Amino acid sequence: MNTLRTALLVTVVAAGSMTLTGCTAAEPIELGSDSIVLDVRTDAEFAAGHLDGAVNLDLSGGDLASAIPTLDPGAEYVVYCKSGNRSSQATAMLEQAGMEVTDAGSMQQASEATGLEIVR
């Protein structure tokens, strides 16, 4: 199993199933055992605070683009950033790669939508 997916599975399973009403989602999305929350901000932004259990893949630094070939194509991805701009770009990249993805917008929007706590 992909280590990226494994790290988040522990968090999602521990938290149980949650409902996501992401900023661009027309319908609520169930966060389950195959959901991976991606923070596409810089390492420094991530270190200053991020959603509990999120995986950091910096869009601007190229981390997300480099990781796409190793991501689980069967997982559901929920993406957020600082304002929603980078998450929108990351969503487009992941969709082009054939991934199922929801743009959750900003970190605050993503926290409210998923119920995941912001940890510092």
PDB file of N, CA and C in Angstrom:
ATOM      1  N   MET A   1       0.842  -1.178   0.000  1.00  0.00           N
ATOM      2  CA  MET A   1       0.000   0.000   0.000  1.00  0.00           C
ATOM      3  C   MET A   1       0.883   1.236   0.000  1.00  0.00           C
ATOM      4  N   ASN A   2       0.508   2.222  -0.701  1.00  0.00           N
ATOM      5  CA  ASN A   2       1.198   3.503  -0.791  1.00  0.00           C
ATOM      6  C   ASN A   2       1.334   4.120   0.606  1.00  0.00           C
ATOM      7  N   THR A   3       2.552   4.581   0.990  1.00  0.00           N
ATOM      8  CA  THR A   3       2.757   5.124   2.331  1.00  0.00           C
ATOM      9  C   THR A   3       1.973   6.398   2.556  1.00  0.00           C
ATOM     10  N   LEU A   4       1.769   7.187   1.511  1.00  0.00           N
ATOM     11  CA  LEU A   4       0.975   8.403   1.620  1.00  0.00           C
ATOM     12  C   LEU A   4      -0.446   8.043   2.047  1.00  0.00           C
ATOM     13  N   ARG A   5      -1.004   7.035   1.424  1.00  0.00           N
ATOM     14  CA  ARG A   5      -2.361   6.603   1.740  1.00  0.00           C
ATOM     15  C   ARG A   5      -2.412   5.966   3.128  1.00  0.00           C
ATOM     16  N   THR A   6      -1.408   5.186   3.463  1.00  0.00           N
ATOM     17  CA  THR A   6      -1.371   4.511   4.750  1.00  0.00           C
ATOM     18  C   THR A   6      -1.382   5.513   5.893  1.00  0.00           C
ATOM     19  N   ALA A   7      -0.596   6.582   5.787  1.00  0.00           N
ATOM     20  CA  ALA A   7      -0.523   7.584   6.849  1.00  0.00           C
ATOM     21  C   ALA A   7      -1.877   8.219   7.103  1.00  0.00           C
ATOM     22  N   LEU A   8      -2.619   8.500   6.071  1.00  0.00           N
ATOM     23  CA  LEU A   8      -3.912   9.137   6.261  1.00  0.00           C
ATOM     24  C   LEU A   8      -4.981   8.143   6.678  1.00  0.00           C
ATOM     25  N   LEU A   9      -4.872   6.908   6.234  1.00  0.00           N
ATOM     26  CA  LEU A   9      -5.872   5.912   6.609  1.00  0.00           C
ATOM     27  C   LEU A   9      -5.966   5.775   8.121  1.00  0.00           C
ATOM     28  N   VAL A  10      -4.847   5.837   8.796  1.00  0.00           N
ATOM     29  CA  VAL A  10      -4.837   5.719  10.248  1.00  0.00           C
ATOM     30  C   VAL A  10      -5.663   6.841  10.854  1.00  0.00           C
ATOM     31  N   THR A  11      -5.501   8.075  10.352  1.00  0.00           N
ATOM     32  CA  THR A  11      -6.240   9.215  10.867  1.00  0.00           C
ATOM     33  C   THR A  11      -7.721   9.102  10.573  1.00  0.00           C
ATOM     34  N   VAL A  12      -8.066   8.752   9.344  1.00  0.00           N
ATOM     35  CA  VAL A  12      -9.471   8.678   8.956  1.00  0.00           C
ATOM     36  C   VAL A  12     -10.182   7.560   9.706  1.00  0.00           C
ATOM     37  N   VAL A  13      -9.537   6.413   9.821  1.00  0.00           N
ATOM     38  CA  VAL A  13     -10.155   5.298  10.531  1.00  0.00           C
ATOM     39  C   VAL A  13     -10.352   5.657  11.999  1.00  0.00           C
ATOM     40  N   ALA A  14      -9.363   6.317  12.596  1.00  0.00           N
ATOM     41  CA  ALA A  14      -9.474   6.698  14.006  1.00  0.00           C
ATOM     42  C   ALA A  14     -10.600   7.704  14.207  1.00  0.00           C
ATOM     43  N   ALA A  15     -10.775   8.611  13.247  1.00  0.00           N
ATOM     44  CA  ALA A  15     -11.789   9.650  13.379  1.00  0.00           C
ATOM     45  C   ALA A  15     -13.166   9.143  12.977  1.00  0.00           C
ATOM     46  N   GLY A  16     -13.229   8.061  12.250  1.00  0.00           N
ATOM     47  CA  GLY A  16     -14.503   7.557  11.760  1.00  0.00           C
ATOM     48  C   GLY A  16     -14.881   8.248  10.471  1.00  0.00           C
ATOM     49  N   SER A  17     -16.007   7.909   9.925  1.00  0.00           N
ATOM     50  CA  SER A  17     -16.461   8.485   8.672  1.00  0.00           C
ATOM     51  C   SER A  17     -17.046   9.867   8.912  1.00  0.00           C
ATOM     52  N   MET A  18     -16.704  10.820   8.050  1.00  0.00           N
ATOM     53  CA  MET A  18     -17.194  12.192   8.179  1.00  0.00           C
ATOM     54  C   MET A  18     -17.830  12.627   6.877  1.00  0.00           C
ATOM     55  N   THR A  19     -18.565  13.721   6.921  1.00  0.00           N
ATOM     56  CA  THR A  19     -19.182  14.273   5.726  1.00  0.00           C
ATOM     57  C   THR A  19     -18.423  15.507   5.293  1.00  0.00           C
ATOM     58  N   LEU A  20     -18.183  15.623   4.010  1.00  0.00           N
ATOM     59  CA  LEU A  20     -17.494  16.776   3.455  1.00  0.00           C
ATOM     60  C   LEU A  20     -18.456  17.542   2.576  1.00  0.00           C
ATOM     61  N   THR A  21     -18.532  18.830   2.795  1.00  0.00           N
ATOM     62  CA  THR A  21     -19.344  19.682   1.941  1.00  0.00           C
ATOM     63  C   THR A  21     -18.425  20.738   1.343  1.00  0.00           C
ATOM     64  N   GLY A  22     -17.370  20.293   0.697  1.00  0.00           N
ATOM     65  CA  GLY A  22     -16.315  21.158   0.186  1.00  0.00           C
ATOM     66  C   GLY A  22     -16.822  22.347  -0.588  1.00  0.00           C
ATOM     67  N   CYS A  23     -15.974  23.367  -0.722  1.00  0.00           N
ATOM     68  CA  CYS A  23     -16.426  24.630  -1.279  1.00  0.00           C
ATOM     69  C   CYS A  23     -16.861  24.497  -2.726  1.00  0.00           C
ATOM     70  N   THR A  24     -16.365  23.510  -3.457  1.00  0.00           N
ATOM     71  CA  THR A  24     -16.787  23.377  -4.847  1.00  0.00           C
ATOM     72  C   THR A  24     -17.670  22.160  -5.059  1.00  0.00           C
ATOM     73  N   ALA A  25     -17.957  21.427  -4.002  1.00  0.00           N
ATOM     74  CA  ALA A  25     -18.769  20.230  -4.142  1.00  0.00           C
ATOM     75  C   ALA A  25     -20.246  20.599  -4.126  1.00  0.00           C
ATOM     76  N   ALA A  26     -20.997  20.082  -5.107  1.00  0.00           N
ATOM     77  CA  ALA A  26     -22.432  20.337  -5.158  1.00  0.00           C
ATOM     78  C   ALA A  26     -23.142  19.489  -4.113  1.00  0.00           C
ATOM     79  N   GLU A  27     -22.647  18.323  -3.826  1.00  0.00           N
ATOM     80  CA  GLU A  27     -23.250  17.388  -2.880  1.00  0.00           C
ATOM     81  C   GLU A  27     -22.214  17.067  -1.802  1.00  0.00           C
ATOM     82  N   PRO A  28     -22.672  16.731  -0.605  1.00  0.00           N
ATOM     83  CA  PRO A  28     -21.716  16.304   0.426  1.00  0.00           C
ATOM     84  C   PRO A  28     -20.937  15.070  -0.044  1.00  0.00           C
ATOM     85  N   ILE A  29     -19.692  14.981   0.397  1.00  0.00           N
ATOM     86  CA  ILE A  29     -18.840  13.847   0.042  1.00  0.00           C
ATOM     87  C   ILE A  29     -18.422  13.152   1.325  1.00  0.00           C
ATOM     88  N   GLU A  30     -18.576  11.866   1.335  1.00  0.00           N
ATOM     89  CA  GLU A  30     -18.211  11.060   2.495  1.00  0.00           C
ATOM     90  C   GLU A  30     -16.694  10.861   2.523  1.00  0.00           C
ATOM     91  N   LEU A  31     -16.059  11.251   3.619  1.00  0.00           N
ATOM     92  CA  LEU A  31     -14.637  10.965   3.815  1.00  0.00           C
ATOM     93  C   LEU A  31     -14.553   9.582   4.429  1.00  0.00           C
ATOM     94  N   GLY A  32     -13.960   8.670   3.689  1.00  0.00           N
ATOM     95  CA  GLY A  32     -13.864   7.310   4.186  1.00  0.00           C
ATOM     96  C   GLY A  32     -12.451   6.788   4.197  1.00  0.00           C
ATOM     97  N   SER A  33     -12.329   5.504   4.207  1.00  0.00           N
ATOM     98  CA  SER A  33     -11.023   4.861   4.324  1.00  0.00           C
ATOM     99  C   SER A  33     -10.129   5.075   3.106  1.00  0.00           C
ATOM    100  N   ASP A  34     -10.698   5.480   1.979  1.00  0.00           N
ATOM    101  CA  ASP A  34      -9.870   5.715   0.801  1.00  0.00           C
ATOM    102  C   ASP A  34      -9.674   7.201   0.520  1.00  0.00           C
ATOM    103  N   SER A  35     -10.007   8.066   1.478  1.00  0.00           N
ATOM    104  CA  SER A  35      -9.854   9.512   1.317  1.00  0.00           C
ATOM    105  C   SER A  35      -8.487   9.975   1.811  1.00  0.00           C
ATOM    106  N   ILE A  36      -7.866  10.854   1.044  1.00  0.00           N
ATOM    107  CA  ILE A  36      -6.577  11.433   1.413  1.00  0.00           C
ATOM    108  C   ILE A  36      -6.708  12.944   1.331  1.00  0.00           C
ATOM    109  N   VAL A  37      -6.396  13.626   2.430  1.00  0.00           N
ATOM    110  CA  VAL A  37      -6.455  15.080   2.490  1.00  0.00           C
ATOM    111  C   VAL A  37      -5.075  15.623   2.140  1.00  0.00           C
ATOM    112  N   LEU A  38      -5.021  16.443   1.089  1.00  0.00           N
ATOM    113  CA  LEU A  38      -3.752  17.012   0.629  1.00  0.00           C
ATOM    114  C   LEU A  38      -3.706  18.509   0.896  1.00  0.00           C
ATOM    115  N   ASP A  39      -2.651  18.955   1.529  1.00  0.00           N
ATOM    116  CA  ASP A  39      -2.359  20.370   1.745  1.00  0.00           C
ATOM    117  C   ASP A  39      -1.308  20.727   0.701  1.00  0.00           C
ATOM    118  N   VAL A  40      -1.644  21.632  -0.217  1.00  0.00           N
ATOM    119  CA  VAL A  40      -0.722  21.937  -1.319  1.00  0.00           C
ATOM    120  C   VAL A  40       0.031  23.253  -1.097  1.00  0.00           C
ATOM    121  N   ARG A  41       0.105  23.697   0.165  1.00  0.00           N
ATOM    122  CA  ARG A  41       0.857  24.899   0.505  1.00  0.00           C
ATOM    123  C   ARG A  41       2.339  24.552   0.687  1.00  0.00           C
ATOM    124  N   THR A  42       3.147  25.574   0.942  1.00  0.00           N
ATOM    125  CA  THR A  42       4.578  25.362   1.141  1.00  0.00           C
ATOM    126  C   THR A  42       4.836  24.627   2.449  1.00  0.00           C
ATOM    127  N   ASP A  43       6.035  24.099   2.592  1.00  0.00           N
ATOM    128  CA  ASP A  43       6.424  23.410   3.829  1.00  0.00           C
ATOM    129  C   ASP A  43       6.291  24.341   5.036  1.00  0.00           C
ATOM    130  N   ALA A  44       6.704  25.604   4.871  1.00  0.00           N
ATOM    131  CA  ALA A  44       6.629  26.566   5.975  1.00  0.00           C
ATOM    132  C   ALA A  44       5.178  26.845   6.365  1.00  0.00           C
ATOM    133  N   GLU A  45       4.304  26.984   5.388  1.00  0.00           N
ATOM    134  CA  GLU A  45       2.883  27.198   5.681  1.00  0.00           C
ATOM    135  C   GLU A  45       2.308  25.979   6.406  1.00  0.00           C
ATOM    136  N   PHE A  46       2.670  24.810   5.935  1.00  0.00           N
ATOM    137  CA  PHE A  46       2.193  23.559   6.547  1.00  0.00           C
ATOM    138  C   PHE A  46       2.655  23.474   7.999  1.00  0.00           C
ATOM    139  N   ALA A  47       3.931  23.805   8.245  1.00  0.00           N
ATOM    140  CA  ALA A  47       4.489  23.739   9.595  1.00  0.00           C
ATOM    141  C   ALA A  47       3.799  24.725  10.535  1.00  0.00           C
ATOM    142  N   ALA A  48       3.306  25.837  10.011  1.00  0.00           N
ATOM    143  CA  ALA A  48       2.636  26.846  10.842  1.00  0.00           C
ATOM    144  C   ALA A  48       1.225  26.412  11.250  1.00  0.00           C
ATOM    145  N   GLY A  49       0.660  25.443  10.561  1.00  0.00           N
ATOM    146  CA  GLY A  49      -0.671  24.941  10.880  1.00  0.00           C
ATOM    147  C   GLY A  49      -1.256  24.216   9.690  1.00  0.00           C
ATOM    148  N   HIS A  50      -1.917  23.106   9.945  1.00  0.00           N
ATOM    149  CA  HIS A  50      -2.506  22.293   8.875  1.00  0.00           C
ATOM    150  C   HIS A  50      -3.629  21.441   9.445  1.00  0.00           C
ATOM    151  N   LEU A  51      -4.408  20.850   8.577  1.00  0.00           N
ATOM    152  CA  LEU A  51      -5.474  19.972   9.036  1.00  0.00           C
ATOM    153  C   LEU A  51      -4.875  18.684   9.588  1.00  0.00           C
ATOM    154  N   ASP A  52      -5.435  18.240  10.679  1.00  0.00           N
ATOM    155  CA  ASP A  52      -4.974  17.015  11.318  1.00  0.00           C
ATOM    156  C   ASP A  52      -5.046  15.849  10.328  1.00  0.00           C
ATOM    157  N   GLY A  53      -3.909  15.192  10.100  1.00  0.00           N
ATOM    158  CA  GLY A  53      -3.841  14.051   9.197  1.00  0.00           C
ATOM    159  C   GLY A  53      -3.551  14.390   7.747  1.00  0.00           C
ATOM    160  N   ALA A  54      -3.472  15.681   7.433  1.00  0.00           N
ATOM    161  CA  ALA A  54      -3.211  16.079   6.045  1.00  0.00           C
ATOM    162  C   ALA A  54      -1.786  15.728   5.638  1.00  0.00           C
ATOM    163  N   VAL A  55      -1.626  15.487   4.350  1.00  0.00           N
ATOM    164  CA  VAL A  55      -0.317  15.217   3.758  1.00  0.00           C
ATOM    165  C   VAL A  55       0.081  16.454   2.972  1.00  0.00           C
ATOM    166  N   ASN A  56       1.300  16.926   3.160  1.00  0.00           N
ATOM    167  CA  ASN A  56       1.775  18.138   2.482  1.00  0.00           C
ATOM    168  C   ASN A  56       2.496  17.788   1.189  1.00  0.00           C
ATOM    169  N   LEU A  57       1.965  18.287   0.073  1.00  0.00           N
ATOM    170  CA  LEU A  57       2.612  18.186  -1.239  1.00  0.00           C
ATOM    171  C   LEU A  57       2.571  19.571  -1.868  1.00  0.00           C
ATOM    172  N   ASP A  58       3.649  20.317  -1.703  1.00  0.00           N
ATOM    173  CA  ASP A  58       3.756  21.710  -2.139  1.00  0.00           C
ATOM    174  C   ASP A  58       3.544  21.828  -3.650  1.00  0.00           C
ATOM    175  N   LEU A  59       2.485  22.503  -4.032  1.00  0.00           N
ATOM    176  CA  LEU A  59       2.196  22.711  -5.452  1.00  0.00           C
ATOM    177  C   LEU A  59       3.257  23.584  -6.099  1.00  0.00           C
ATOM    178  N   SER A  60       3.565  24.716  -5.486  1.00  0.00           N
ATOM    179  CA  SER A  60       4.506  25.680  -6.057  1.00  0.00           C
ATOM    180  C   SER A  60       5.920  25.125  -6.171  1.00  0.00           C
ATOM    181  N   GLY A  61       6.317  24.286  -5.232  1.00  0.00           N
ATOM    182  CA  GLY A  61       7.657  23.705  -5.233  1.00  0.00           C
ATOM    183  C   GLY A  61       7.792  22.474  -6.115  1.00  0.00           C
ATOM    184  N   GLY A  62       6.690  22.025  -6.708  1.00  0.00           N
ATOM    185  CA  GLY A  62       6.735  20.880  -7.605  1.00  0.00           C
ATOM    186  C   GLY A  62       6.514  19.532  -6.954  1.00  0.00           C
ATOM    187  N   ASP A  63       6.299  19.521  -5.632  1.00  0.00           N
ATOM    188  CA  ASP A  63       6.111  18.248  -4.927  1.00  0.00           C
ATOM    189  C   ASP A  63       4.885  17.485  -5.428  1.00  0.00           C
ATOM    190  N   LEU A  64       3.784  18.206  -5.673  1.00  0.00           N
ATOM    191  CA  LEU A  64       2.571  17.532  -6.128  1.00  0.00           C
ATOM    192  C   LEU A  64       2.786  16.907  -7.502  1.00  0.00           C
ATOM    193  N   ALA A  65       3.337  17.661  -8.423  1.00  0.00           N
ATOM    194  CA  ALA A  65       3.573  17.142  -9.777  1.00  0.00           C
ATOM    195  C   ALA A  65       4.469  15.908  -9.738  1.00  0.00           C
ATOM    196  N   SER A  66       5.497  15.943  -8.900  1.00  0.00           N
ATOM    197  CA  SER A  66       6.411  14.806  -8.780  1.00  0.00           C
ATOM    198  C   SER A  66       5.735  13.585  -8.161  1.00  0.00           C
ATOM    199  N   ALA A  67       4.789  13.817  -7.261  1.00  0.00           N
ATOM    200  CA  ALA A  67       4.145  12.722  -6.540  1.00  0.00           C
ATOM    201  C   ALA A  67       3.010  12.069  -7.320  1.00  0.00           C
ATOM    202  N   ILE A  68       2.456  12.743  -8.303  1.00  0.00           N
ATOM    203  CA  ILE A  68       1.281  12.214  -9.003  1.00  0.00           C
ATOM    204  C   ILE A  68       1.465  10.775  -9.482  1.00  0.00           C
ATOM    205  N   PRO A  69       2.596  10.398 -10.079  1.00  0.00           N
ATOM    206  CA  PRO A  69       2.729   9.003 -10.520  1.00  0.00           C
ATOM    207  C   PRO A  69       2.691   7.978  -9.380  1.00  0.00           C
ATOM    208  N   THR A  70       2.966   8.401  -8.147  1.00  0.00           N
ATOM    209  CA  THR A  70       2.992   7.477  -7.014  1.00  0.00           C
ATOM    210  C   THR A  70       1.687   7.482  -6.214  1.00  0.00           C
ATOM    211  N   LEU A  71       0.781   8.402  -6.526  1.00  0.00           N
ATOM    212  CA  LEU A  71      -0.479   8.483  -5.786  1.00  0.00           C
ATOM    213  C   LEU A  71      -1.400   7.334  -6.153  1.00  0.00           C
ATOM    214  N   ASP A  72      -2.201   6.937  -5.205  1.00  0.00           N
ATOM    215  CA  ASP A  72      -3.152   5.838  -5.386  1.00  0.00           C
ATOM    216  C   ASP A  72      -4.299   6.304  -6.281  1.00  0.00           C
ATOM    217  N   PRO A  73      -4.436   5.735  -7.474  1.00  0.00           N
ATOM    218  CA  PRO A  73      -5.507   6.164  -8.377  1.00  0.00           C
ATOM    219  C   PRO A  73      -6.895   5.771  -7.892  1.00  0.00           C
ATOM    220  N   GLY A  74      -6.980   4.881  -6.914  1.00  0.00           N
ATOM    221  CA  GLY A  74      -8.272   4.460  -6.386  1.00  0.00           C
ATOM    222  C   GLY A  74      -8.729   5.269  -5.179  1.00  0.00           C
ATOM    223  N   ALA A  75      -7.874   6.166  -4.703  1.00  0.00           N
ATOM    224  CA  ALA A  75      -8.215   6.979  -3.535  1.00  0.00           C
ATOM    225  C   ALA A  75      -9.043   8.195  -3.955  1.00  0.00           C
ATOM    226  N   GLU A  76      -9.706   8.770  -2.975  1.00  0.00           N
ATOM    227  CA  GLU A  76     -10.416  10.035  -3.176  1.00  0.00           C
ATOM    228  C   GLU A  76      -9.594  11.114  -2.486  1.00  0.00           C
ATOM    229  N   TYR A  77      -9.272  12.170  -3.207  1.00  0.00           N
ATOM    230  CA  TYR A  77      -8.420  13.231  -2.680  1.00  0.00           C
ATOM    231  C   TYR A  77      -9.245  14.470  -2.365  1.00  0.00           C
ATOM    232  N   VAL A  78      -8.946  15.085  -1.229  1.00  0.00           N
ATOM    233  CA  VAL A  78      -9.533  16.351  -0.820  1.00  0.00           C
ATOM    234  C   VAL A  78      -8.363  17.312  -0.697  1.00  0.00           C
ATOM    235  N   VAL A  79      -8.415  18.408  -1.456  1.00  0.00           N
ATOM    236  CA  VAL A  79      -7.276  19.317  -1.568  1.00  0.00           C
ATOM    237  C   VAL A  79      -7.626  20.685  -0.992  1.00  0.00           C
ATOM    238  N   TYR A  80      -6.686  21.272  -0.238  1.00  0.00           N
ATOM    239  CA  TYR A  80      -6.878  22.630   0.266  1.00  0.00           C
ATOM    240  C   TYR A  80      -5.559  23.388   0.238  1.00  0.00           C
ATOM    241  N   CYS A  81      -5.641  24.714   0.392  1.00  0.00           N
ATOM    242  CA  CYS A  81      -4.457  25.575   0.449  1.00  0.00           C
ATOM    243  C   CYS A  81      -4.760  26.753   1.374  1.00  0.00           C
ATOM    244  N   LYS A  82      -4.178  27.899   1.113  1.00  0.00           N
ATOM    245  CA  LYS A  82      -4.408  29.076   1.958  1.00  0.00           C
ATOM    246  C   LYS A  82      -5.693  29.804   1.580  1.00  0.00           C
ATOM    247  N   SER A  83      -5.896  30.021   0.280  1.00  0.00           N
ATOM    248  CA  SER A  83      -7.041  30.824  -0.155  1.00  0.00           C
ATOM    249  C   SER A  83      -7.982  30.105  -1.113  1.00  0.00           C
ATOM    250  N   GLY A  84      -7.541  29.009  -1.683  1.00  0.00           N
ATOM    251  CA  GLY A  84      -8.335  28.292  -2.672  1.00  0.00           C
ATOM    252  C   GLY A  84      -7.750  28.363  -4.068  1.00  0.00           C
ATOM    253  N   ASN A  85      -6.777  29.232  -4.287  1.00  0.00           N
ATOM    254  CA  ASN A  85      -6.162  29.374  -5.608  1.00  0.00           C
ATOM    255  C   ASN A  85      -5.319  28.150  -5.969  1.00  0.00           C
ATOM    256  N   ARG A  86      -4.383  27.799  -5.110  1.00  0.00           N
ATOM    257  CA  ARG A  86      -3.524  26.646  -5.390  1.00  0.00           C
ATOM    258  C   ARG A  86      -4.307  25.339  -5.347  1.00  0.00           C
ATOM    259  N   SER A  87      -5.309  25.265  -4.481  1.00  0.00           N
ATOM    260  CA  SER A  87      -6.106  24.032  -4.426  1.00  0.00           C
ATOM    261  C   SER A  87      -6.852  23.835  -5.737  1.00  0.00           C
ATOM    262  N   SER A  88      -7.281  24.927  -6.343  1.00  0.00           N
ATOM    263  CA  SER A  88      -7.957  24.845  -7.644  1.00  0.00           C
ATOM    264  C   SER A  88      -7.001  24.334  -8.726  1.00  0.00           C
ATOM    265  N   GLN A  89      -5.781  24.843  -8.711  1.00  0.00           N
ATOM    266  CA  GLN A  89      -4.765  24.394  -9.676  1.00  0.00           C
ATOM    267  C   GLN A  89      -4.421  22.922  -9.448  1.00  0.00           C
ATOM    268  N   ALA A  90      -4.271  22.551  -8.177  1.00  0.00           N
ATOM    269  CA  ALA A  90      -3.939  21.163  -7.846  1.00  0.00           C
ATOM    270  C   ALA A  90      -5.075  20.227  -8.235  1.00  0.00           C
ATOM    271  N   THR A  91      -6.302  20.662  -8.022  1.00  0.00           N
ATOM    272  CA  THR A  91      -7.462  19.856  -8.404  1.00  0.00           C
ATOM    273  C   THR A  91      -7.444  19.573  -9.896  1.00  0.00           C
ATOM    274  N   ALA A  92      -7.152  20.594 -10.691  1.00  0.00           N
ATOM    275  CA  ALA A  92      -7.083  20.414 -12.148  1.00  0.00           C
ATOM    276  C   ALA A  92      -5.991  19.419 -12.525  1.00  0.00           C
ATOM    277  N   MET A  93      -4.840  19.512 -11.881  1.00  0.00           N
ATOM    278  CA  MET A  93      -3.738  18.581 -12.166  1.00  0.00           C
ATOM    279  C   MET A  93      -4.125  17.147 -11.839  1.00  0.00           C
ATOM    280  N   LEU A  94      -4.724  16.964 -10.681  1.00  0.00           N
ATOM    281  CA  LEU A  94      -5.106  15.620 -10.250  1.00  0.00           C
ATOM    282  C   LEU A  94      -6.214  15.048 -11.134  1.00  0.00           C
ATOM    283  N   GLU A  95      -7.164  15.885 -11.519  1.00  0.00           N
ATOM    284  CA  GLU A  95      -8.227  15.427 -12.413  1.00  0.00           C
ATOM    285  C   GLU A  95      -7.659  15.012 -13.769  1.00  0.00           C
ATOM    286  N   GLN A  96      -6.688  15.773 -14.281  1.00  0.00           N
ATOM    287  CA  GLN A  96      -6.040  15.416 -15.554  1.00  0.00           C
ATOM    288  C   GLN A  96      -5.335  14.071 -15.453  1.00  0.00           C
ATOM    289  N   ALA A  97      -4.877  13.740 -14.257  1.00  0.00           N
ATOM    290  CA  ALA A  97      -4.197  12.455 -14.034  1.00  0.00           C
ATOM    291  C   ALA A  97      -5.199  11.332 -13.774  1.00  0.00           C
ATOM    292  N   GLY A  98      -6.489  11.652 -13.815  1.00  0.00           N
ATOM    293  CA  GLY A  98      -7.522  10.642 -13.646  1.00  0.00           C
ATOM    294  C   GLY A  98      -7.922  10.366 -12.210  1.00  0.00           C
ATOM    295  N   MET A  99      -7.530  11.248 -11.300  1.00  0.00           N
ATOM    296  CA  MET A  99      -7.851  11.052  -9.885  1.00  0.00           C
ATOM    297  C   MET A  99      -9.234  11.624  -9.564  1.00  0.00           C
ATOM    298  N   GLU A 100      -9.867  11.053  -8.537  1.00  0.00           N
ATOM    299  CA  GLU A 100     -11.117  11.604  -8.002  1.00  0.00           C
ATOM    300  C   GLU A 100     -10.716  12.619  -6.940  1.00  0.00           C
ATOM    301  N   VAL A 101     -11.116  13.880  -7.122  1.00  0.00           N
ATOM    302  CA  VAL A 101     -10.625  14.941  -6.239  1.00  0.00           C
ATOM    303  C   VAL A 101     -11.713  15.974  -5.966  1.00  0.00           C
ATOM    304  N   THR A 102     -11.684  16.506  -4.755  1.00  0.00           N
ATOM    305  CA  THR A 102     -12.572  17.592  -4.348  1.00  0.00           C
ATOM    306  C   THR A 102     -11.722  18.759  -3.902  1.00  0.00           C
ATOM    307  N   ASP A 103     -12.012  19.934  -4.436  1.00  0.00           N
ATOM    308  CA  ASP A 103     -11.344  21.160  -4.025  1.00  0.00           C
ATOM    309  C   ASP A 103     -12.076  21.685  -2.797  1.00  0.00           C
ATOM    310  N   ALA A 104     -11.425  21.641  -1.642  1.00  0.00           N
ATOM    311  CA  ALA A 104     -12.037  22.109  -0.398  1.00  0.00           C
ATOM    312  C   ALA A 104     -11.719  23.566  -0.116  1.00  0.00           C
ATOM    313  N   GLY A 105     -10.991  24.241  -1.017  1.00  0.00           N
ATOM    314  CA  GLY A 105     -10.723  25.670  -0.861  1.00  0.00           C
ATOM    315  C   GLY A 105      -9.626  25.960   0.131  1.00  0.00           C
ATOM    316  N   SER A 106      -9.890  26.934   0.997  1.00  0.00           N
ATOM    317  CA  SER A 106      -8.889  27.362   1.977  1.00  0.00           C
ATOM    318  C   SER A 106      -8.818  26.363   3.137  1.00  0.00           C
ATOM    319  N   MET A 107      -7.779  26.506   3.955  1.00  0.00           N
ATOM    320  CA  MET A 107      -7.631  25.619   5.100  1.00  0.00           C
ATOM    321  C   MET A 107      -8.827  25.768   6.037  1.00  0.00           C
ATOM    322  N   GLN A 108      -9.282  26.982   6.267  1.00  0.00           N
ATOM    323  CA  GLN A 108     -10.426  27.200   7.156  1.00  0.00           C
ATOM    324  C   GLN A 108     -11.689  26.557   6.587  1.00  0.00           C
ATOM    325  N   GLN A 109     -11.919  26.756   5.283  1.00  0.00           N
ATOM    326  CA  GLN A 109     -13.084  26.133   4.641  1.00  0.00           C
ATOM    327  C   GLN A 109     -12.998  24.615   4.727  1.00  0.00           C
ATOM    328  N   ALA A 110     -11.807  24.082   4.485  1.00  0.00           N
ATOM    329  CA  ALA A 110     -11.613  22.633   4.526  1.00  0.00           C
ATOM    330  C   ALA A 110     -11.842  22.098   5.936  1.00  0.00           C
ATOM    331  N   SER A 111     -11.385  22.829   6.945  1.00  0.00           N
ATOM    332  CA  SER A 111     -11.581  22.420   8.328  1.00  0.00           C
ATOM    333  C   SER A 111     -13.064  22.382   8.671  1.00  0.00           C
ATOM    334  N   GLU A 112     -13.771  23.422   8.301  1.00  0.00           N
ATOM    335  CA  GLU A 112     -15.203  23.483   8.578  1.00  0.00           C
ATOM    336  C   GLU A 112     -15.962  22.385   7.823  1.00  0.00           C
ATOM    337  N   ALA A 113     -15.564  22.137   6.583  1.00  0.00           N
ATOM    338  CA  ALA A 113     -16.269  21.156   5.754  1.00  0.00           C
ATOM    339  C   ALA A 113     -16.008  19.714   6.197  1.00  0.00           C
ATOM    340  N   THR A 114     -14.805  19.438   6.635  1.00  0.00           N
ATOM    341  CA  THR A 114     -14.441  18.068   6.991  1.00  0.00           C
ATOM    342  C   THR A 114     -14.577  17.768   8.473  1.00  0.00           C
ATOM    343  N   GLY A 115     -14.562  18.812   9.276  1.00  0.00           N
ATOM    344  CA  GLY A 115     -14.551  18.607  10.720  1.00  0.00           C
ATOM    345  C   GLY A 115     -13.174  18.289  11.256  1.00  0.00           C
ATOM    346  N   LEU A 116     -12.159  18.335  10.385  1.00  0.00           N
ATOM    347  CA  LEU A 116     -10.787  18.081  10.836  1.00  0.00           C
ATOM    348  C   LEU A 116     -10.245  19.327  11.523  1.00  0.00           C
ATOM    349  N   GLU A 117      -9.569  19.134  12.636  1.00  0.00           N
ATOM    350  CA  GLU A 117      -9.007  20.219  13.420  1.00  0.00           C
ATOM    351  C   GLU A 117      -7.746  20.765  12.756  1.00  0.00           C
ATOM    352  N   ILE A 118      -7.535  22.070  12.913  1.00  0.00           N
ATOM    353  CA  ILE A 118      -6.277  22.690  12.476  1.00  0.00           C
ATOM    354  C   ILE A 118      -5.280  22.507  13.605  1.00  0.00           C
ATOM    355  N   VAL A 119      -4.171  21.839  13.312  1.00  0.00           N
ATOM    356  CA  VAL A 119      -3.133  21.602  14.305  1.00  0.00           C
ATOM    357  C   VAL A 119      -1.924  22.479  14.009  1.00  0.00           C
ATOM    358  N   ARG A 120      -1.254  22.897  15.036  1.00  0.00           N
ATOM    359  CA  ARG A 120      -0.083  23.765  14.888  1.00  0.00           C
ATOM    360  C   ARG A 120       1.120  23.135  15.520  1.00  0.00           C
TER     361      ARG A 120
END
